[in-house]
Amino acid sequence: MKKQLGILGVLALGVGMAVPAQAQDEVGACLITKTDINPFFVKMKEGASAKAEELGVTLSTYAGKVDGDHETQVQAIETCIASGAKGILITASDTKAIVPVVQQARDAGLLVIALDTPLEPIDSADATFATDNFKAGELIGAWAAAQLGDAAADAKIAMLDLADSQPSVGVLRDQGFLQGFGIDLVDPNRWGDETDPRIVGNEVTAGNEEGGRTAMESLMIKDPGINVVYTINEPAAAGAYEALKAFGREDKVLIVSVDGGCPGVQNVKDGVIGATSQQYPLLMASLGVEAIAAWAADGTKPEPTEGLEFFDTGVSLVTDQPAEGVESIDTAEGMDRCWG
């Protein structure tokens, strides 16, 4: 893990926050994730818990029953307001509908930080710590196009997205992939409106393996000649691969994804996934707790990365089949940096 710790340490120095060695007494913080079973959010919880213990912050954690469980997240925010917490870290399931209750929290004096998934509009939160999700998608799109070469002009692409509500993280990754692949975007703020005939269709997965399997089956029935599969995350990619095996197509299709968890990187190494964009949830969460501690101590708010509307926690393309012009790391390095 030495490489990962080095990278995270360098990134953390860019936040520009003075964090006390010990947070003030009775500083409460809340972490609200989409689910508590996805390895990405499990690692996020671990990072937040470790940093909270280090700083003497009392951390309460909440999660939706499934990805897309908006109401449970609303109830969690209301509970955090009532408890007197100083701040909230949230990965929102519905990035638009959550805004009114987030505003209630901010009006009550809580610092609200979006993790991984920007709210809509992004300034609905006090700050956002996230992967550049558009770039993450763009990397896997450019890699897939490079792997196909001239055949990219005749590709048949399955788009396995997150949810019909189109939360920002899903839109950014989807649209980034399409741009990286060389497909014209219509409205970059939504997916599914593209007219390029290479896109077979969009199906939602809820970001889990069963959803990935079902979505892939539906699109294979529509066009069994699919040869490129974009997936919102690695659990969905694993499900898509199982569906492709059932159709006898697992060796004829490029699957690309985003996350960079250890199981996903192993799937890249094993050839299940061609390439994945690796993000760093532990860093997002630990920086979020540091920000709440600083806010409680002296009212300091975190600053975004220069030139961006959020603090960029980094992304790396992981593949053992590098493509010219697309920067990447191999699975050995990916395993050094992975989580979950």
C-alpha atoms as a PDB file:
ATOM      1  CA  MET A   1       0.000   0.000   0.000  1.00  0.00           C
ATOM      2  CA  LYS A   2       3.019   2.319   0.033  1.00  0.00           C
ATOM      3  CA  LYS A   3       2.256   3.818  -3.377  1.00  0.00           C
ATOM      4  CA  GLN A   4      -1.330   4.582  -2.456  1.00  0.00           C
ATOM      5  CA  LEU A   5      -0.372   6.274   0.786  1.00  0.00           C
ATOM      6  CA  GLY A   6       2.174   8.409  -1.017  1.00  0.00           C
ATOM      7  CA  ILE A   7      -0.367   9.578  -3.569  1.00  0.00           C
ATOM      8  CA  LEU A   8      -3.014  10.293  -0.972  1.00  0.00           C
ATOM      9  CA  GLY A   9      -0.570  12.226   1.135  1.00  0.00           C
ATOM     10  CA  VAL A  10       0.427  14.446  -1.768  1.00  0.00           C
ATOM     11  CA  LEU A  11      -3.193  15.079  -2.691  1.00  0.00           C
ATOM     12  CA  ALA A  12      -4.148  15.872   0.875  1.00  0.00           C
ATOM     13  CA  LEU A  13      -1.538  18.622   0.994  1.00  0.00           C
ATOM     14  CA  GLY A  14      -3.436  20.438  -1.750  1.00  0.00           C
ATOM     15  CA  VAL A  15      -6.574  21.055   0.311  1.00  0.00           C
ATOM     16  CA  GLY A  16      -5.196  24.126   2.010  1.00  0.00           C
ATOM     17  CA  MET A  17      -6.975  23.531   5.334  1.00  0.00           C
ATOM     18  CA  ALA A  18      -5.379  23.897   8.738  1.00  0.00           C
ATOM     19  CA  VAL A  19      -6.762  20.968  10.723  1.00  0.00           C
ATOM     20  CA  PRO A  20      -6.211  20.885  14.475  1.00  0.00           C
ATOM     21  CA  ALA A  21      -4.380  17.886  15.913  1.00  0.00           C
ATOM     22  CA  GLN A  22      -7.472  17.222  18.008  1.00  0.00           C
ATOM     23  CA  ALA A  23     -10.922  18.439  17.034  1.00  0.00           C
ATOM     24  CA  GLN A  24     -12.978  20.380  19.539  1.00  0.00           C
ATOM     25  CA  ASP A  25     -14.976  18.403  22.089  1.00  0.00           C
ATOM     26  CA  GLU A  26     -18.457  17.327  21.050  1.00  0.00           C
ATOM     27  CA  VAL A  27     -17.877  17.694  17.322  1.00  0.00           C
ATOM     28  CA  GLY A  28     -20.368  15.462  15.537  1.00  0.00           C
ATOM     29  CA  ALA A  29     -20.308  14.533  11.858  1.00  0.00           C
ATOM     30  CA  CYS A  30     -22.509  12.384   9.633  1.00  0.00           C
ATOM     31  CA  LEU A  31     -21.591  10.218   6.659  1.00  0.00           C
ATOM     32  CA  ILE A  32     -24.507   9.355   4.371  1.00  0.00           C
ATOM     33  CA  THR A  33     -23.789   6.921   1.527  1.00  0.00           C
ATOM     34  CA  LYS A  34     -25.942   5.421  -1.200  1.00  0.00           C
ATOM     35  CA  THR A  35     -25.638   1.894   0.235  1.00  0.00           C
ATOM     36  CA  ASP A  36     -23.531   0.117   2.832  1.00  0.00           C
ATOM     37  CA  ILE A  37     -22.674  -2.938   0.719  1.00  0.00           C
ATOM     38  CA  ASN A  38     -20.900  -1.527  -2.344  1.00  0.00           C
ATOM     39  CA  PRO A  39     -17.136  -1.830  -1.662  1.00  0.00           C
ATOM     40  CA  PHE A  40     -16.661   1.805  -2.718  1.00  0.00           C
ATOM     41  CA  PHE A  41     -18.906   3.033   0.079  1.00  0.00           C
ATOM     42  CA  VAL A  42     -17.521   0.486   2.538  1.00  0.00           C
ATOM     43  CA  LYS A  43     -14.061   1.938   1.984  1.00  0.00           C
ATOM     44  CA  MET A  44     -15.445   5.460   2.231  1.00  0.00           C
ATOM     45  CA  LYS A  45     -16.891   4.584   5.643  1.00  0.00           C
ATOM     46  CA  GLU A  46     -13.560   3.105   6.736  1.00  0.00           C
ATOM     47  CA  GLY A  47     -11.692   6.249   5.714  1.00  0.00           C
ATOM     48  CA  ALA A  48     -14.146   8.547   7.469  1.00  0.00           C
ATOM     49  CA  SER A  49     -14.173   6.416  10.621  1.00  0.00           C
ATOM     50  CA  ALA A  50     -10.377   6.291  10.865  1.00  0.00           C
ATOM     51  CA  LYS A  51     -10.006  10.038  10.407  1.00  0.00           C
ATOM     52  CA  ALA A  52     -12.827  10.759  12.870  1.00  0.00           C
ATOM     53  CA  GLU A  53     -11.137   8.624  15.504  1.00  0.00           C
ATOM     54  CA  GLU A  54      -7.833  10.395  14.880  1.00  0.00           C
ATOM     55  CA  LEU A  55      -9.399  13.856  15.263  1.00  0.00           C
ATOM     56  CA  GLY A  56     -11.787  13.051  18.093  1.00  0.00           C
ATOM     57  CA  VAL A  57     -14.872  13.588  15.929  1.00  0.00           C
ATOM     58  CA  THR A  58     -18.018  11.591  16.719  1.00  0.00           C
ATOM     59  CA  LEU A  59     -19.099  10.049  13.417  1.00  0.00           C
ATOM     60  CA  SER A  60     -22.606   8.747  12.711  1.00  0.00           C
ATOM     61  CA  THR A  61     -23.115   6.757   9.509  1.00  0.00           C
ATOM     62  CA  TYR A  62     -26.229   6.191   7.424  1.00  0.00           C
ATOM     63  CA  ALA A  63     -26.931   4.491   4.096  1.00  0.00           C
ATOM     64  CA  GLY A  64     -29.773   3.882   1.701  1.00  0.00           C
ATOM     65  CA  LYS A  65     -31.239   0.390   1.515  1.00  0.00           C
ATOM     66  CA  VAL A  66     -30.325   0.274  -2.187  1.00  0.00           C
ATOM     67  CA  ASP A  67     -28.693   2.678  -4.620  1.00  0.00           C
ATOM     68  CA  GLY A  68     -31.423   5.183  -5.418  1.00  0.00           C
ATOM     69  CA  ASP A  69     -33.031   5.180  -1.948  1.00  0.00           C
ATOM     70  CA  HIS A  70     -33.542   8.929  -1.754  1.00  0.00           C
ATOM     71  CA  GLU A  71     -36.032   9.005   1.114  1.00  0.00           C
ATOM     72  CA  THR A  72     -33.703   7.256   3.551  1.00  0.00           C
ATOM     73  CA  GLN A  73     -31.032   9.842   2.781  1.00  0.00           C
ATOM     74  CA  VAL A  74     -33.497  12.684   3.431  1.00  0.00           C
ATOM     75  CA  GLN A  75     -34.385  11.149   6.799  1.00  0.00           C
ATOM     76  CA  ALA A  76     -30.685  10.797   7.630  1.00  0.00           C
ATOM     77  CA  ILE A  77     -30.039  14.493   6.962  1.00  0.00           C
ATOM     78  CA  GLU A  78     -32.988  15.450   9.147  1.00  0.00           C
ATOM     79  CA  THR A  79     -31.606  13.249  11.919  1.00  0.00           C
ATOM     80  CA  CYS A  80     -28.181  14.877  11.594  1.00  0.00           C
ATOM     81  CA  ILE A  81     -29.672  18.359  11.856  1.00  0.00           C
ATOM     82  CA  ALA A  82     -31.626  17.377  14.973  1.00  0.00           C
ATOM     83  CA  SER A  83     -28.555  15.775  16.570  1.00  0.00           C
ATOM     84  CA  GLY A  84     -26.552  19.006  16.468  1.00  0.00           C
ATOM     85  CA  ALA A  85     -23.885  17.656  14.096  1.00  0.00           C
ATOM     86  CA  LYS A  86     -21.371  20.153  12.743  1.00  0.00           C
ATOM     87  CA  GLY A  87     -21.283  18.703   9.262  1.00  0.00           C
ATOM     88  CA  ILE A  88     -22.546  16.133   6.768  1.00  0.00           C
ATOM     89  CA  LEU A  89     -20.690  14.116   4.132  1.00  0.00           C
ATOM     90  CA  ILE A  90     -23.042  12.712   1.505  1.00  0.00           C
ATOM     91  CA  THR A  91     -23.021  10.673  -1.692  1.00  0.00           C
ATOM     92  CA  ALA A  92     -26.485  11.582  -2.916  1.00  0.00           C
ATOM     93  CA  SER A  93     -28.706   9.085  -4.716  1.00  0.00           C
ATOM     94  CA  ASP A  94     -30.828  11.838  -6.278  1.00  0.00           C
ATOM     95  CA  THR A  95     -28.563  14.833  -6.814  1.00  0.00           C
ATOM     96  CA  LYS A  96     -31.424  17.218  -7.607  1.00  0.00           C
ATOM     97  CA  ALA A  97     -34.146  16.141  -5.191  1.00  0.00           C
ATOM     98  CA  ILE A  98     -31.786  16.150  -2.192  1.00  0.00           C
ATOM     99  CA  VAL A  99     -31.031  19.884  -2.550  1.00  0.00           C
ATOM    100  CA  PRO A 100     -33.923  21.311  -0.441  1.00  0.00           C
ATOM    101  CA  VAL A 101     -33.073  19.248   2.651  1.00  0.00           C
ATOM    102  CA  VAL A 102     -29.366  19.955   2.136  1.00  0.00           C
ATOM    103  CA  GLN A 103     -30.235  23.653   2.203  1.00  0.00           C
ATOM    104  CA  GLN A 104     -32.079  23.094   5.476  1.00  0.00           C
ATOM    105  CA  ALA A 105     -28.880  21.632   6.917  1.00  0.00           C
ATOM    106  CA  ARG A 106     -26.775  24.541   5.708  1.00  0.00           C
ATOM    107  CA  ASP A 107     -29.314  27.030   7.062  1.00  0.00           C
ATOM    108  CA  ALA A 108     -28.960  25.282  10.417  1.00  0.00           C
ATOM    109  CA  GLY A 109     -25.203  25.925  10.354  1.00  0.00           C
ATOM    110  CA  LEU A 110     -23.942  22.533   9.190  1.00  0.00           C
ATOM    111  CA  LEU A 111     -21.122  22.223   6.668  1.00  0.00           C
ATOM    112  CA  VAL A 112     -22.351  19.962   3.845  1.00  0.00           C
ATOM    113  CA  ILE A 113     -19.783  18.238   1.634  1.00  0.00           C
ATOM    114  CA  ALA A 114     -20.698  16.093  -1.359  1.00  0.00           C
ATOM    115  CA  LEU A 115     -18.431  13.080  -1.816  1.00  0.00           C
ATOM    116  CA  ASP A 116     -17.928  11.504  -5.263  1.00  0.00           C
ATOM    117  CA  THR A 117     -21.291  12.682  -6.613  1.00  0.00           C
ATOM    118  CA  PRO A 118     -21.758  16.461  -7.130  1.00  0.00           C
ATOM    119  CA  LEU A 119     -25.140  17.914  -6.250  1.00  0.00           C
ATOM    120  CA  GLU A 120     -27.105  19.755  -8.912  1.00  0.00           C
ATOM    121  CA  PRO A 121     -26.264  22.574  -8.976  1.00  0.00           C
ATOM    122  CA  ILE A 122     -22.816  21.823  -7.568  1.00  0.00           C
ATOM    123  CA  ASP A 123     -22.866  24.846  -5.240  1.00  0.00           C
ATOM    124  CA  SER A 124     -25.830  23.341  -3.388  1.00  0.00           C
ATOM    125  CA  ALA A 125     -23.143  21.850  -1.135  1.00  0.00           C
ATOM    126  CA  ASP A 126     -20.455  23.870   0.620  1.00  0.00           C
ATOM    127  CA  ALA A 127     -17.800  21.757  -1.125  1.00  0.00           C
ATOM    128  CA  THR A 128     -17.357  18.626  -3.213  1.00  0.00           C
ATOM    129  CA  PHE A 129     -14.522  16.098  -2.911  1.00  0.00           C
ATOM    130  CA  ALA A 130     -14.662  13.844  -5.939  1.00  0.00           C
ATOM    131  CA  THR A 131     -13.041  12.105  -8.823  1.00  0.00           C
ATOM    132  CA  ASP A 132     -13.237  14.057 -12.058  1.00  0.00           C
ATOM    133  CA  ASN A 133     -15.955  11.686 -13.220  1.00  0.00           C
ATOM    134  CA  PHE A 134     -16.114  13.113 -16.733  1.00  0.00           C
ATOM    135  CA  LYS A 135     -12.385  12.515 -17.104  1.00  0.00           C
ATOM    136  CA  ALA A 136     -12.799   8.995 -15.685  1.00  0.00           C
ATOM    137  CA  GLY A 137     -15.319   8.244 -18.413  1.00  0.00           C
ATOM    138  CA  GLU A 138     -13.254   9.968 -21.068  1.00  0.00           C
ATOM    139  CA  LEU A 139     -10.232   7.781 -20.259  1.00  0.00           C
ATOM    140  CA  ILE A 140     -12.100   4.491 -20.706  1.00  0.00           C
ATOM    141  CA  GLY A 141     -13.806   5.803 -23.839  1.00  0.00           C
ATOM    142  CA  ALA A 142     -10.534   6.835 -25.448  1.00  0.00           C
ATOM    143  CA  TRP A 143      -8.964   3.504 -24.456  1.00  0.00           C
ATOM    144  CA  ALA A 144     -11.835   1.498 -25.980  1.00  0.00           C
ATOM    145  CA  ALA A 145     -11.698   3.474 -29.230  1.00  0.00           C
ATOM    146  CA  ALA A 146      -7.925   2.974 -29.436  1.00  0.00           C
ATOM    147  CA  GLN A 147      -8.264  -0.768 -28.880  1.00  0.00           C
ATOM    148  CA  LEU A 148     -10.762  -1.074 -31.733  1.00  0.00           C
ATOM    149  CA  GLY A 149      -8.838   1.184 -34.102  1.00  0.00           C
ATOM    150  CA  ASP A 150     -10.612   1.572 -37.446  1.00  0.00           C
ATOM    151  CA  ALA A 151     -13.324  -0.833 -36.258  1.00  0.00           C
ATOM    152  CA  ALA A 152     -14.509   1.826 -33.772  1.00  0.00           C
ATOM    153  CA  ALA A 153     -16.429   3.401 -36.647  1.00  0.00           C
ATOM    154  CA  ASP A 154     -18.708   0.357 -36.727  1.00  0.00           C
ATOM    155  CA  ALA A 155     -18.828  -0.432 -33.004  1.00  0.00           C
ATOM    156  CA  LYS A 156     -22.001  -1.617 -31.298  1.00  0.00           C
ATOM    157  CA  ILE A 157     -22.059  -0.105 -27.832  1.00  0.00           C
ATOM    158  CA  ALA A 158     -24.106  -1.046 -24.775  1.00  0.00           C
ATOM    159  CA  MET A 159     -24.443   1.693 -22.159  1.00  0.00           C
ATOM    160  CA  LEU A 160     -25.028   0.331 -18.650  1.00  0.00           C
ATOM    161  CA  ASP A 161     -25.926   3.354 -16.551  1.00  0.00           C
ATOM    162  CA  LEU A 162     -26.822   3.911 -12.907  1.00  0.00           C
ATOM    163  CA  ALA A 163     -30.417   5.097 -12.457  1.00  0.00           C
ATOM    164  CA  ASP A 164     -33.299   6.644 -14.372  1.00  0.00           C
ATOM    165  CA  SER A 165     -33.048   9.753 -12.170  1.00  0.00           C
ATOM    166  CA  GLN A 166     -29.668  10.372 -13.838  1.00  0.00           C
ATOM    167  CA  PRO A 167     -27.601  11.473 -10.814  1.00  0.00           C
ATOM    168  CA  SER A 168     -24.646  13.632 -11.767  1.00  0.00           C
ATOM    169  CA  VAL A 169     -22.019  10.913 -11.266  1.00  0.00           C
ATOM    170  CA  GLY A 170     -23.773   8.686 -13.793  1.00  0.00           C
ATOM    171  CA  VAL A 171     -24.225  11.439 -16.348  1.00  0.00           C
ATOM    172  CA  LEU A 172     -20.606  12.577 -16.095  1.00  0.00           C
ATOM    173  CA  ARG A 173     -19.146   9.088 -16.551  1.00  0.00           C
ATOM    174  CA  ASP A 174     -21.525   8.218 -19.403  1.00  0.00           C
ATOM    175  CA  GLN A 175     -20.937  11.463 -21.293  1.00  0.00           C
ATOM    176  CA  GLY A 176     -17.202  11.341 -20.659  1.00  0.00           C
ATOM    177  CA  PHE A 177     -17.049   7.831 -22.119  1.00  0.00           C
ATOM    178  CA  LEU A 178     -18.960   8.869 -25.239  1.00  0.00           C
ATOM    179  CA  GLN A 179     -16.755  11.905 -25.809  1.00  0.00           C
ATOM    180  CA  GLY A 180     -13.626   9.822 -25.290  1.00  0.00           C
ATOM    181  CA  PHE A 181     -14.902   7.259 -27.784  1.00  0.00           C
ATOM    182  CA  GLY A 182     -15.574   9.997 -30.343  1.00  0.00           C
ATOM    183  CA  ILE A 183     -19.349  10.196 -30.189  1.00  0.00           C
ATOM    184  CA  ASP A 184     -21.025  13.607 -30.375  1.00  0.00           C
ATOM    185  CA  LEU A 185     -22.898  14.685 -27.256  1.00  0.00           C
ATOM    186  CA  VAL A 186     -26.296  16.324 -27.565  1.00  0.00           C
ATOM    187  CA  ASP A 187     -26.899  17.644 -24.048  1.00  0.00           C
ATOM    188  CA  PRO A 188     -23.885  16.831 -21.853  1.00  0.00           C
ATOM    189  CA  ASN A 189     -26.091  17.189 -18.775  1.00  0.00           C
ATOM    190  CA  ARG A 190     -28.089  14.054 -19.543  1.00  0.00           C
ATOM    191  CA  TRP A 191     -27.611  10.654 -21.144  1.00  0.00           C
ATOM    192  CA  GLY A 192     -29.765   8.800 -23.658  1.00  0.00           C
ATOM    193  CA  ASP A 193     -30.407  11.621 -26.124  1.00  0.00           C
ATOM    194  CA  GLU A 194     -27.551  10.729 -28.480  1.00  0.00           C
ATOM    195  CA  THR A 195     -28.357   9.893 -32.100  1.00  0.00           C
ATOM    196  CA  ASP A 196     -25.179   8.003 -33.037  1.00  0.00           C
ATOM    197  CA  PRO A 197     -26.262   4.618 -34.511  1.00  0.00           C
ATOM    198  CA  ARG A 198     -23.353   2.872 -32.785  1.00  0.00           C
ATOM    199  CA  ILE A 199     -25.198   3.121 -29.458  1.00  0.00           C
ATOM    200  CA  VAL A 200     -27.444   0.059 -29.107  1.00  0.00           C
ATOM    201  CA  GLY A 201     -29.164   1.465 -26.030  1.00  0.00           C
ATOM    202  CA  ASN A 202     -29.039   2.529 -22.390  1.00  0.00           C
ATOM    203  CA  GLU A 203     -30.165   0.340 -19.490  1.00  0.00           C
ATOM    204  CA  VAL A 204     -29.885   1.067 -15.751  1.00  0.00           C
ATOM    205  CA  THR A 205     -28.159  -1.239 -13.278  1.00  0.00           C
ATOM    206  CA  ALA A 206     -28.553   0.325  -9.796  1.00  0.00           C
ATOM    207  CA  GLY A 207     -24.776  -0.052  -9.661  1.00  0.00           C
ATOM    208  CA  ASN A 208     -24.863  -3.708  -8.650  1.00  0.00           C
ATOM    209  CA  GLU A 209     -24.049  -7.077 -10.197  1.00  0.00           C
ATOM    210  CA  GLU A 210     -27.610  -8.298 -10.618  1.00  0.00           C
ATOM    211  CA  GLY A 211     -28.568  -5.016 -12.271  1.00  0.00           C
ATOM    212  CA  GLY A 212     -25.590  -5.308 -14.615  1.00  0.00           C
ATOM    213  CA  ARG A 213     -26.574  -8.836 -15.595  1.00  0.00           C
ATOM    214  CA  THR A 214     -30.203  -7.906 -16.287  1.00  0.00           C
ATOM    215  CA  ALA A 215     -29.293  -4.766 -18.230  1.00  0.00           C
ATOM    216  CA  MET A 216     -26.783  -6.654 -20.369  1.00  0.00           C
ATOM    217  CA  GLU A 217     -29.294  -9.392 -21.130  1.00  0.00           C
ATOM    218  CA  SER A 218     -31.840  -6.811 -22.297  1.00  0.00           C
ATOM    219  CA  LEU A 219     -29.380  -5.125 -24.637  1.00  0.00           C
ATOM    220  CA  MET A 220     -28.047  -8.428 -26.004  1.00  0.00           C
ATOM    221  CA  ILE A 221     -31.574  -9.428 -26.925  1.00  0.00           C
ATOM    222  CA  LYS A 222     -31.881  -6.108 -28.739  1.00  0.00           C
ATOM    223  CA  ASP A 223     -28.574  -6.604 -30.603  1.00  0.00           C
ATOM    224  CA  PRO A 224     -26.475  -9.747 -30.043  1.00  0.00           C
ATOM    225  CA  GLY A 225     -23.608  -8.169 -32.007  1.00  0.00           C
ATOM    226  CA  ILE A 226     -22.636  -5.752 -29.203  1.00  0.00           C
ATOM    227  CA  ASN A 227     -18.846  -5.514 -28.943  1.00  0.00           C
ATOM    228  CA  VAL A 228     -18.279  -2.640 -26.472  1.00  0.00           C
ATOM    229  CA  VAL A 229     -19.868  -2.316 -23.036  1.00  0.00           C
ATOM    230  CA  TYR A 230     -19.643   0.811 -20.893  1.00  0.00           C
ATOM    231  CA  THR A 231     -20.533   0.201 -17.246  1.00  0.00           C
ATOM    232  CA  ILE A 232     -21.141   2.731 -14.480  1.00  0.00           C
ATOM    233  CA  ASN A 233     -19.044   0.708 -12.015  1.00  0.00           C
ATOM    234  CA  GLU A 234     -17.268  -2.605 -11.527  1.00  0.00           C
ATOM    235  CA  PRO A 235     -20.105  -4.545  -9.829  1.00  0.00           C
ATOM    236  CA  ALA A 236     -22.268  -3.753 -12.877  1.00  0.00           C
ATOM    237  CA  ALA A 237     -19.365  -4.821 -15.121  1.00  0.00           C
ATOM    238  CA  ALA A 238     -19.100  -8.171 -13.329  1.00  0.00           C
ATOM    239  CA  GLY A 239     -22.812  -8.768 -13.907  1.00  0.00           C
ATOM    240  CA  ALA A 240     -22.520  -7.793 -17.560  1.00  0.00           C
ATOM    241  CA  TYR A 241     -19.696 -10.296 -18.010  1.00  0.00           C
ATOM    242  CA  GLU A 242     -21.835 -13.109 -16.595  1.00  0.00           C
ATOM    243  CA  ALA A 243     -24.603 -12.255 -19.035  1.00  0.00           C
ATOM    244  CA  LEU A 244     -22.141 -12.199 -21.938  1.00  0.00           C
ATOM    245  CA  LYS A 245     -20.886 -15.637 -20.919  1.00  0.00           C
ATOM    246  CA  ALA A 246     -24.430 -16.954 -21.183  1.00  0.00           C
ATOM    247  CA  PHE A 247     -24.541 -15.632 -24.755  1.00  0.00           C
ATOM    248  CA  GLY A 248     -21.085 -17.030 -25.548  1.00  0.00           C
ATOM    249  CA  ARG A 249     -19.777 -13.526 -26.217  1.00  0.00           C
ATOM    250  CA  GLU A 250     -17.446 -12.905 -23.266  1.00  0.00           C
ATOM    251  CA  ASP A 251     -14.308 -13.127 -25.442  1.00  0.00           C
ATOM    252  CA  LYS A 252     -15.693 -10.907 -28.202  1.00  0.00           C
ATOM    253  CA  VAL A 253     -16.652  -7.818 -26.185  1.00  0.00           C
ATOM    254  CA  LEU A 254     -14.631  -5.013 -24.585  1.00  0.00           C
ATOM    255  CA  ILE A 255     -15.964  -4.088 -21.121  1.00  0.00           C
ATOM    256  CA  VAL A 256     -14.844  -0.826 -19.531  1.00  0.00           C
ATOM    257  CA  SER A 257     -15.736   0.582 -16.142  1.00  0.00           C
ATOM    258  CA  VAL A 258     -15.013   3.029 -13.321  1.00  0.00           C
ATOM    259  CA  ASP A 259     -14.095   2.459  -9.643  1.00  0.00           C
ATOM    260  CA  GLY A 260     -10.700   0.823  -9.153  1.00  0.00           C
ATOM    261  CA  GLY A 261     -11.600  -1.393  -6.220  1.00  0.00           C
ATOM    262  CA  CYS A 262      -9.403  -4.434  -5.640  1.00  0.00           C
ATOM    263  CA  PRO A 263     -12.000  -6.894  -7.050  1.00  0.00           C
ATOM    264  CA  GLY A 264     -12.365  -4.697 -10.138  1.00  0.00           C
ATOM    265  CA  VAL A 265      -8.618  -4.411 -10.689  1.00  0.00           C
ATOM    266  CA  GLN A 266      -8.391  -8.197 -10.310  1.00  0.00           C
ATOM    267  CA  ASN A 267     -11.072  -8.482 -13.002  1.00  0.00           C
ATOM    268  CA  VAL A 268      -8.934  -6.307 -15.268  1.00  0.00           C
ATOM    269  CA  LYS A 269      -5.970  -8.596 -14.581  1.00  0.00           C
ATOM    270  CA  ASP A 270      -8.134 -11.658 -15.326  1.00  0.00           C
ATOM    271  CA  GLY A 271      -9.484 -10.195 -18.572  1.00  0.00           C
ATOM    272  CA  VAL A 272     -13.077  -9.745 -17.400  1.00  0.00           C
ATOM    273  CA  ILE A 273     -12.767  -5.956 -17.716  1.00  0.00           C
ATOM    274  CA  GLY A 274     -10.494  -4.417 -20.320  1.00  0.00           C
ATOM    275  CA  ALA A 275      -9.820  -1.179 -18.450  1.00  0.00           C
ATOM    276  CA  THR A 276     -11.163   0.714 -15.464  1.00  0.00           C
ATOM    277  CA  SER A 277     -10.714   4.239 -14.154  1.00  0.00           C
ATOM    278  CA  GLN A 278      -9.529   4.090 -10.551  1.00  0.00           C
ATOM    279  CA  GLN A 279     -10.776   6.574  -7.967  1.00  0.00           C
ATOM    280  CA  TYR A 280      -9.901   7.028  -4.302  1.00  0.00           C
ATOM    281  CA  PRO A 281     -12.883   6.961  -1.901  1.00  0.00           C
ATOM    282  CA  LEU A 282     -10.795   6.708   1.277  1.00  0.00           C
ATOM    283  CA  LEU A 283      -9.207  10.048   0.439  1.00  0.00           C
ATOM    284  CA  MET A 284     -12.563  11.699  -0.271  1.00  0.00           C
ATOM    285  CA  ALA A 285     -13.970  10.635   3.089  1.00  0.00           C
ATOM    286  CA  SER A 286     -10.913  11.383   5.206  1.00  0.00           C
ATOM    287  CA  LEU A 287     -10.577  14.860   3.702  1.00  0.00           C
ATOM    288  CA  GLY A 288     -14.275  15.403   4.350  1.00  0.00           C
ATOM    289  CA  VAL A 289     -13.901  14.649   8.058  1.00  0.00           C
ATOM    290  CA  GLU A 290     -10.866  16.951   8.214  1.00  0.00           C
ATOM    291  CA  ALA A 291     -12.962  19.702   6.638  1.00  0.00           C
ATOM    292  CA  ILE A 292     -15.747  19.314   9.198  1.00  0.00           C
ATOM    293  CA  ALA A 293     -13.186  19.412  12.026  1.00  0.00           C
ATOM    294  CA  ALA A 294     -11.700  22.623  10.621  1.00  0.00           C
ATOM    295  CA  TRP A 295     -15.157  24.141  10.199  1.00  0.00           C
ATOM    296  CA  ALA A 296     -16.019  23.326  13.814  1.00  0.00           C
ATOM    297  CA  ALA A 297     -12.699  24.779  15.026  1.00  0.00           C
ATOM    298  CA  ASP A 298     -12.636  28.130  13.253  1.00  0.00           C
ATOM    299  CA  GLY A 299     -15.190  28.290  10.442  1.00  0.00           C
ATOM    300  CA  THR A 300     -12.695  27.422   7.703  1.00  0.00           C
ATOM    301  CA  LYS A 301     -14.231  26.057   4.496  1.00  0.00           C
ATOM    302  CA  PRO A 302     -12.314  23.873   2.011  1.00  0.00           C
ATOM    303  CA  GLU A 303     -11.264  25.311  -1.333  1.00  0.00           C
ATOM    304  CA  PRO A 304     -11.723  23.606  -4.714  1.00  0.00           C
ATOM    305  CA  THR A 305      -8.865  22.578  -6.969  1.00  0.00           C
ATOM    306  CA  GLU A 306      -7.697  25.537  -9.046  1.00  0.00           C
ATOM    307  CA  GLY A 307      -9.770  25.895 -12.188  1.00  0.00           C
ATOM    308  CA  LEU A 308     -12.459  23.456 -11.009  1.00  0.00           C
ATOM    309  CA  GLU A 309     -15.688  23.675  -9.006  1.00  0.00           C
ATOM    310  CA  PHE A 310     -14.641  20.748  -6.779  1.00  0.00           C
ATOM    311  CA  PHE A 311     -11.575  19.309  -5.080  1.00  0.00           C
ATOM    312  CA  ASP A 312     -10.198  16.690  -7.459  1.00  0.00           C
ATOM    313  CA  THR A 313      -9.104  13.544  -5.608  1.00  0.00           C
ATOM    314  CA  GLY A 314      -7.528  11.997  -8.704  1.00  0.00           C
ATOM    315  CA  VAL A 315      -8.141   9.236 -11.249  1.00  0.00           C
ATOM    316  CA  SER A 316      -5.907   6.675 -13.019  1.00  0.00           C
ATOM    317  CA  LEU A 317      -6.722   4.379 -15.938  1.00  0.00           C
ATOM    318  CA  VAL A 318      -5.859   0.770 -15.045  1.00  0.00           C
ATOM    319  CA  THR A 319      -5.197  -1.733 -17.837  1.00  0.00           C
ATOM    320  CA  ASP A 320      -2.647  -4.307 -18.931  1.00  0.00           C
ATOM    321  CA  GLN A 321      -3.260  -3.362 -22.578  1.00  0.00           C
ATOM    322  CA  PRO A 322      -1.964   0.207 -22.800  1.00  0.00           C
ATOM    323  CA  ALA A 323      -3.110   2.347 -25.715  1.00  0.00           C
ATOM    324  CA  GLU A 324      -0.997   4.979 -27.418  1.00  0.00           C
ATOM    325  CA  GLY A 325      -1.994   8.458 -26.337  1.00  0.00           C
ATOM    326  CA  VAL A 326      -4.000   7.275 -23.302  1.00  0.00           C
ATOM    327  CA  GLU A 327      -2.092   7.508 -20.019  1.00  0.00           C
ATOM    328  CA  SER A 328      -2.502   4.419 -17.844  1.00  0.00           C
ATOM    329  CA  ILE A 329      -1.046   2.260 -15.094  1.00  0.00           C
ATOM    330  CA  ASP A 330      -0.894  -1.548 -15.110  1.00  0.00           C
ATOM    331  CA  THR A 331      -2.769  -3.864 -12.770  1.00  0.00           C
ATOM    332  CA  ALA A 332       0.273  -4.361 -10.543  1.00  0.00           C
ATOM    333  CA  GLU A 333       0.283  -0.657  -9.731  1.00  0.00           C
ATOM    334  CA  GLY A 334      -3.494  -0.648  -9.658  1.00  0.00           C
ATOM    335  CA  MET A 335      -3.455  -3.335  -6.970  1.00  0.00           C
ATOM    336  CA  ASP A 336      -1.018  -1.248  -4.929  1.00  0.00           C
ATOM    337  CA  ARG A 337      -3.483   1.641  -5.005  1.00  0.00           C
ATOM    338  CA  CYS A 338      -6.805  -0.248  -4.858  1.00  0.00           C
ATOM    339  CA  TRP A 339      -9.364  -0.464  -2.082  1.00  0.00           C
ATOM    340  CA  GLY A 340     -12.089  -2.862  -0.987  1.00  0.00           C
END
